[in-house]
């Protein structure tokens, strides 16, 4: 039986208003499995993929876990929270999860480059693969992919848009 066929239950989701636009948040089994800016990604598409992966139904229910995400995001955007404390369910390959774990270790207000992440994952020549994994980060802001910049110090890709990345980094530099 495939992994996605073993899981079941309900994926609860909500849309959270932030200063940088709406974010869709989803949880399965009281663990956050998706947090993304809603802009270019349609919530229906995101939820359809999650439902398929978890073999679960979706429902817009503001659970205790989703309320906690909203609370912590609000504190973060007010400049009052520097570290998130949320239960996560990072769905990806072993390599992707290792990259996302390294992202989670980047301190608030700091930036690193793709090569640094590649070295920390034990694959110093894998900067491109690291970039691809970062681009698939399912939990934006909390798993801080916005803290990764180009080797030359330039801002590079961010699924939520470079303007958001710039604002997130500015928020953290205060």
C-alpha atoms as a PDB file:
ATOM      1  CA  UNK A   1       0.000   0.000   0.000  1.00  0.00           C
ATOM      2  CA  UNK A   2       1.370   3.433  -0.923  1.00  0.00           C
ATOM      3  CA  UNK A   3       2.213   5.880   1.866  1.00  0.00           C
ATOM      4  CA  UNK A   4      -0.564   8.274   0.865  1.00  0.00           C
ATOM      5  CA  UNK A   5      -3.094   5.456   1.155  1.00  0.00           C
ATOM      6  CA  UNK A   6      -2.208   4.664   4.786  1.00  0.00           C
ATOM      7  CA  UNK A   7      -3.050   8.107   6.088  1.00  0.00           C
ATOM      8  CA  UNK A   8      -6.562   9.380   6.516  1.00  0.00           C
ATOM      9  CA  UNK A   9      -8.629  11.802   8.517  1.00  0.00           C
ATOM     10  CA  UNK A  10      -9.327  15.441   7.897  1.00  0.00           C
ATOM     11  CA  UNK A  11      -7.135  18.275   6.730  1.00  0.00           C
ATOM     12  CA  UNK A  12      -8.369  21.409   8.452  1.00  0.00           C
ATOM     13  CA  UNK A  13      -7.475  24.723   6.902  1.00  0.00           C
ATOM     14  CA  UNK A  14      -8.023  28.430   7.211  1.00  0.00           C
ATOM     15  CA  UNK A  15      -6.968  31.631   5.497  1.00  0.00           C
ATOM     16  CA  UNK A  16      -5.033  34.062   7.677  1.00  0.00           C
ATOM     17  CA  UNK A  17      -4.761  37.774   6.935  1.00  0.00           C
ATOM     18  CA  UNK A  18      -1.203  39.110   7.240  1.00  0.00           C
ATOM     19  CA  UNK A  19       0.415  42.442   6.365  1.00  0.00           C
ATOM     20  CA  UNK A  20       1.910  40.699   3.302  1.00  0.00           C
ATOM     21  CA  UNK A  21      -1.339  39.175   2.065  1.00  0.00           C
ATOM     22  CA  UNK A  22      -3.482  36.188   2.838  1.00  0.00           C
ATOM     23  CA  UNK A  23      -1.836  32.934   3.848  1.00  0.00           C
ATOM     24  CA  UNK A  24      -3.449  29.532   3.644  1.00  0.00           C
ATOM     25  CA  UNK A  25      -2.668  27.256   6.558  1.00  0.00           C
ATOM     26  CA  UNK A  26      -3.533  23.569   6.779  1.00  0.00           C
ATOM     27  CA  UNK A  27      -3.099  20.966   9.479  1.00  0.00           C
ATOM     28  CA  UNK A  28      -3.435  17.219   9.626  1.00  0.00           C
ATOM     29  CA  UNK A  29      -3.440  15.422  12.948  1.00  0.00           C
ATOM     30  CA  UNK A  30      -2.845  18.710  14.816  1.00  0.00           C
ATOM     31  CA  UNK A  31       0.406  19.300  12.897  1.00  0.00           C
ATOM     32  CA  UNK A  32       0.921  22.060  10.332  1.00  0.00           C
ATOM     33  CA  UNK A  33       1.405  20.579   6.870  1.00  0.00           C
ATOM     34  CA  UNK A  34       1.076  23.732   4.766  1.00  0.00           C
ATOM     35  CA  UNK A  35       1.515  27.480   5.201  1.00  0.00           C
ATOM     36  CA  UNK A  36       1.755  29.493   2.051  1.00  0.00           C
ATOM     37  CA  UNK A  37       0.956  32.895   0.641  1.00  0.00           C
ATOM     38  CA  UNK A  38      -2.320  32.544  -1.231  1.00  0.00           C
ATOM     39  CA  UNK A  39      -1.414  34.967  -4.032  1.00  0.00           C
ATOM     40  CA  UNK A  40      -0.485  32.928  -7.088  1.00  0.00           C
ATOM     41  CA  UNK A  41      -1.442  29.575  -5.621  1.00  0.00           C
ATOM     42  CA  UNK A  42      -5.110  28.801  -5.478  1.00  0.00           C
ATOM     43  CA  UNK A  43      -6.167  27.342  -2.113  1.00  0.00           C
ATOM     44  CA  UNK A  44      -8.235  24.683  -3.909  1.00  0.00           C
ATOM     45  CA  UNK A  45      -5.148  23.404  -5.717  1.00  0.00           C
ATOM     46  CA  UNK A  46      -3.068  23.313  -2.533  1.00  0.00           C
ATOM     47  CA  UNK A  47      -5.823  21.490  -0.643  1.00  0.00           C
ATOM     48  CA  UNK A  48      -6.437  19.009  -3.459  1.00  0.00           C
ATOM     49  CA  UNK A  49      -2.768  17.972  -3.388  1.00  0.00           C
ATOM     50  CA  UNK A  50      -2.779  17.640   0.395  1.00  0.00           C
ATOM     51  CA  UNK A  51      -6.007  15.602   0.350  1.00  0.00           C
ATOM     52  CA  UNK A  52      -4.477  13.248  -2.198  1.00  0.00           C
ATOM     53  CA  UNK A  53      -1.266  12.855  -0.190  1.00  0.00           C
ATOM     54  CA  UNK A  54      -3.042  12.183   3.099  1.00  0.00           C
ATOM     55  CA  UNK A  55      -5.997  10.323   1.581  1.00  0.00           C
ATOM     56  CA  UNK A  56      -8.106  12.736   3.612  1.00  0.00           C
ATOM     57  CA  UNK A  57     -11.040  15.073   3.340  1.00  0.00           C
ATOM     58  CA  UNK A  58     -10.607  18.823   3.746  1.00  0.00           C
ATOM     59  CA  UNK A  59     -12.641  21.138   5.899  1.00  0.00           C
ATOM     60  CA  UNK A  60     -12.451  24.809   6.753  1.00  0.00           C
ATOM     61  CA  UNK A  61     -12.456  24.552  10.515  1.00  0.00           C
ATOM     62  CA  UNK A  62     -10.499  26.869  12.779  1.00  0.00           C
ATOM     63  CA  UNK A  63      -8.933  24.298  15.100  1.00  0.00           C
ATOM     64  CA  UNK A  64      -6.855  25.038  18.187  1.00  0.00           C
ATOM     65  CA  UNK A  65      -3.716  24.361  16.119  1.00  0.00           C
ATOM     66  CA  UNK A  66      -4.756  26.768  13.356  1.00  0.00           C
ATOM     67  CA  UNK A  67      -5.623  29.444  15.924  1.00  0.00           C
ATOM     68  CA  UNK A  68      -2.134  29.036  17.403  1.00  0.00           C
ATOM     69  CA  UNK A  69      -0.555  29.512  13.956  1.00  0.00           C
ATOM     70  CA  UNK A  70      -2.548  32.713  13.496  1.00  0.00           C
ATOM     71  CA  UNK A  71      -1.556  33.952  16.963  1.00  0.00           C
ATOM     72  CA  UNK A  72       2.136  33.291  16.384  1.00  0.00           C
ATOM     73  CA  UNK A  73       2.091  34.813  12.881  1.00  0.00           C
ATOM     74  CA  UNK A  74       0.434  37.953  14.257  1.00  0.00           C
ATOM     75  CA  UNK A  75       3.120  38.235  16.940  1.00  0.00           C
ATOM     76  CA  UNK A  76       5.839  37.664  14.328  1.00  0.00           C
ATOM     77  CA  UNK A  77       4.501  40.400  12.040  1.00  0.00           C
ATOM     78  CA  UNK A  78       4.268  42.752  15.039  1.00  0.00           C
ATOM     79  CA  UNK A  79       7.961  42.114  15.675  1.00  0.00           C
ATOM     80  CA  UNK A  80       7.206  40.381  18.994  1.00  0.00           C
ATOM     81  CA  UNK A  81       8.087  36.780  18.051  1.00  0.00           C
ATOM     82  CA  UNK A  82      11.471  35.614  16.810  1.00  0.00           C
ATOM     83  CA  UNK A  83      11.010  31.857  16.977  1.00  0.00           C
ATOM     84  CA  UNK A  84       7.941  29.795  16.150  1.00  0.00           C
ATOM     85  CA  UNK A  85       6.852  26.914  18.345  1.00  0.00           C
ATOM     86  CA  UNK A  86       4.450  24.909  16.213  1.00  0.00           C
ATOM     87  CA  UNK A  87       4.048  21.186  15.532  1.00  0.00           C
ATOM     88  CA  UNK A  88       5.057  20.573  11.903  1.00  0.00           C
ATOM     89  CA  UNK A  89       4.470  17.751   9.445  1.00  0.00           C
ATOM     90  CA  UNK A  90       7.039  18.386   6.718  1.00  0.00           C
ATOM     91  CA  UNK A  91       6.027  16.288   3.732  1.00  0.00           C
ATOM     92  CA  UNK A  92       8.861  15.713   1.270  1.00  0.00           C
ATOM     93  CA  UNK A  93      11.811  13.541   0.388  1.00  0.00           C
ATOM     94  CA  UNK A  94      14.534  12.803   2.921  1.00  0.00           C
ATOM     95  CA  UNK A  95      16.807  15.349   1.211  1.00  0.00           C
ATOM     96  CA  UNK A  96      14.087  18.030   1.185  1.00  0.00           C
ATOM     97  CA  UNK A  97      13.358  17.463   4.866  1.00  0.00           C
ATOM     98  CA  UNK A  98      17.074  17.715   5.680  1.00  0.00           C
ATOM     99  CA  UNK A  99      17.221  21.058   3.840  1.00  0.00           C
ATOM    100  CA  UNK A 100      14.098  22.335   5.619  1.00  0.00           C
ATOM    101  CA  UNK A 101      15.566  21.287   8.966  1.00  0.00           C
ATOM    102  CA  UNK A 102      18.663  23.364   8.213  1.00  0.00           C
ATOM    103  CA  UNK A 103      16.437  26.306   7.248  1.00  0.00           C
ATOM    104  CA  UNK A 104      14.716  26.047  10.613  1.00  0.00           C
ATOM    105  CA  UNK A 105      18.094  26.494  12.298  1.00  0.00           C
ATOM    106  CA  UNK A 106      18.838  29.854  10.656  1.00  0.00           C
ATOM    107  CA  UNK A 107      18.508  32.428  13.445  1.00  0.00           C
ATOM    108  CA  UNK A 108      16.030  35.298  13.242  1.00  0.00           C
ATOM    109  CA  UNK A 109      17.606  38.287  11.496  1.00  0.00           C
ATOM    110  CA  UNK A 110      20.375  36.255   9.837  1.00  0.00           C
ATOM    111  CA  UNK A 111      20.815  35.177   6.238  1.00  0.00           C
ATOM    112  CA  UNK A 112      22.802  32.377   4.630  1.00  0.00           C
ATOM    113  CA  UNK A 113      23.386  31.334   1.041  1.00  0.00           C
ATOM    114  CA  UNK A 114      22.472  28.147  -0.803  1.00  0.00           C
ATOM    115  CA  UNK A 115      26.044  26.842  -0.648  1.00  0.00           C
ATOM    116  CA  UNK A 116      26.043  27.135   3.139  1.00  0.00           C
ATOM    117  CA  UNK A 117      22.875  25.026   3.341  1.00  0.00           C
ATOM    118  CA  UNK A 118      24.385  22.497   0.897  1.00  0.00           C
ATOM    119  CA  UNK A 119      27.479  22.169   3.106  1.00  0.00           C
ATOM    120  CA  UNK A 120      25.380  21.774   6.247  1.00  0.00           C
ATOM    121  CA  UNK A 121      23.392  18.945   4.639  1.00  0.00           C
ATOM    122  CA  UNK A 122      26.655  17.150   3.824  1.00  0.00           C
ATOM    123  CA  UNK A 123      26.342  17.820   0.079  1.00  0.00           C
ATOM    124  CA  UNK A 124      28.635  20.829  -0.612  1.00  0.00           C
ATOM    125  CA  UNK A 125      28.149  20.593  -4.396  1.00  0.00           C
ATOM    126  CA  UNK A 126      24.355  20.404  -4.171  1.00  0.00           C
ATOM    127  CA  UNK A 127      23.507  24.122  -4.089  1.00  0.00           C
ATOM    128  CA  UNK A 128      21.081  23.735  -7.031  1.00  0.00           C
ATOM    129  CA  UNK A 129      19.333  20.774  -5.406  1.00  0.00           C
ATOM    130  CA  UNK A 130      19.154  22.793  -2.193  1.00  0.00           C
ATOM    131  CA  UNK A 131      17.561  25.645  -4.138  1.00  0.00           C
ATOM    132  CA  UNK A 132      14.988  23.295  -5.625  1.00  0.00           C
ATOM    133  CA  UNK A 133      14.188  21.893  -2.175  1.00  0.00           C
ATOM    134  CA  UNK A 134      13.867  25.366  -0.703  1.00  0.00           C
ATOM    135  CA  UNK A 135      11.467  26.229  -3.533  1.00  0.00           C
ATOM    136  CA  UNK A 136       9.259  23.336  -2.408  1.00  0.00           C
ATOM    137  CA  UNK A 137       9.208  24.400   1.249  1.00  0.00           C
ATOM    138  CA  UNK A 138       5.614  23.695   2.319  1.00  0.00           C
ATOM    139  CA  UNK A 139       5.655  25.910   5.405  1.00  0.00           C
ATOM    140  CA  UNK A 140       6.647  29.469   4.504  1.00  0.00           C
ATOM    141  CA  UNK A 141       7.867  31.943   7.137  1.00  0.00           C
ATOM    142  CA  UNK A 142       7.863  29.335   9.952  1.00  0.00           C
ATOM    143  CA  UNK A 143      10.469  27.321   8.023  1.00  0.00           C
ATOM    144  CA  UNK A 144      12.343  30.479   7.036  1.00  0.00           C
ATOM    145  CA  UNK A 145      13.337  29.989   3.409  1.00  0.00           C
ATOM    146  CA  UNK A 146      13.247  33.784   3.057  1.00  0.00           C
ATOM    147  CA  UNK A 147      16.533  33.872   5.004  1.00  0.00           C
ATOM    148  CA  UNK A 148      18.439  32.251   2.116  1.00  0.00           C
ATOM    149  CA  UNK A 149      20.065  34.631  -0.345  1.00  0.00           C
ATOM    150  CA  UNK A 150      22.435  34.327  -3.280  1.00  0.00           C
ATOM    151  CA  UNK A 151      26.170  33.837  -2.739  1.00  0.00           C
ATOM    152  CA  UNK A 152      26.717  37.409  -3.960  1.00  0.00           C
ATOM    153  CA  UNK A 153      24.304  38.777  -1.344  1.00  0.00           C
ATOM    154  CA  UNK A 154      21.494  39.361  -3.823  1.00  0.00           C
ATOM    155  CA  UNK A 155      17.921  38.363  -3.111  1.00  0.00           C
ATOM    156  CA  UNK A 156      16.976  35.340  -5.152  1.00  0.00           C
ATOM    157  CA  UNK A 157      13.811  33.341  -5.710  1.00  0.00           C
ATOM    158  CA  UNK A 158      10.993  33.207  -3.218  1.00  0.00           C
ATOM    159  CA  UNK A 159       7.720  31.469  -4.003  1.00  0.00           C
ATOM    160  CA  UNK A 160       5.813  34.262  -2.239  1.00  0.00           C
ATOM    161  CA  UNK A 161       7.501  36.910  -4.398  1.00  0.00           C
ATOM    162  CA  UNK A 162      10.766  38.789  -3.936  1.00  0.00           C
ATOM    163  CA  UNK A 163       8.889  41.823  -2.596  1.00  0.00           C
ATOM    164  CA  UNK A 164       7.637  39.689   0.310  1.00  0.00           C
ATOM    165  CA  UNK A 165      11.105  38.259   0.921  1.00  0.00           C
ATOM    166  CA  UNK A 166      12.495  41.792   1.094  1.00  0.00           C
ATOM    167  CA  UNK A 167       9.796  42.825   3.596  1.00  0.00           C
ATOM    168  CA  UNK A 168      10.311  39.706   5.742  1.00  0.00           C
ATOM    169  CA  UNK A 169      14.060  40.357   5.911  1.00  0.00           C
ATOM    170  CA  UNK A 170      13.434  44.031   6.728  1.00  0.00           C
ATOM    171  CA  UNK A 171      11.042  43.029   9.520  1.00  0.00           C
ATOM    172  CA  UNK A 172      13.724  40.763  10.975  1.00  0.00           C
ATOM    173  CA  UNK A 173      16.467  43.363  10.733  1.00  0.00           C
ATOM    174  CA  UNK A 174      14.759  45.734  13.188  1.00  0.00           C
END
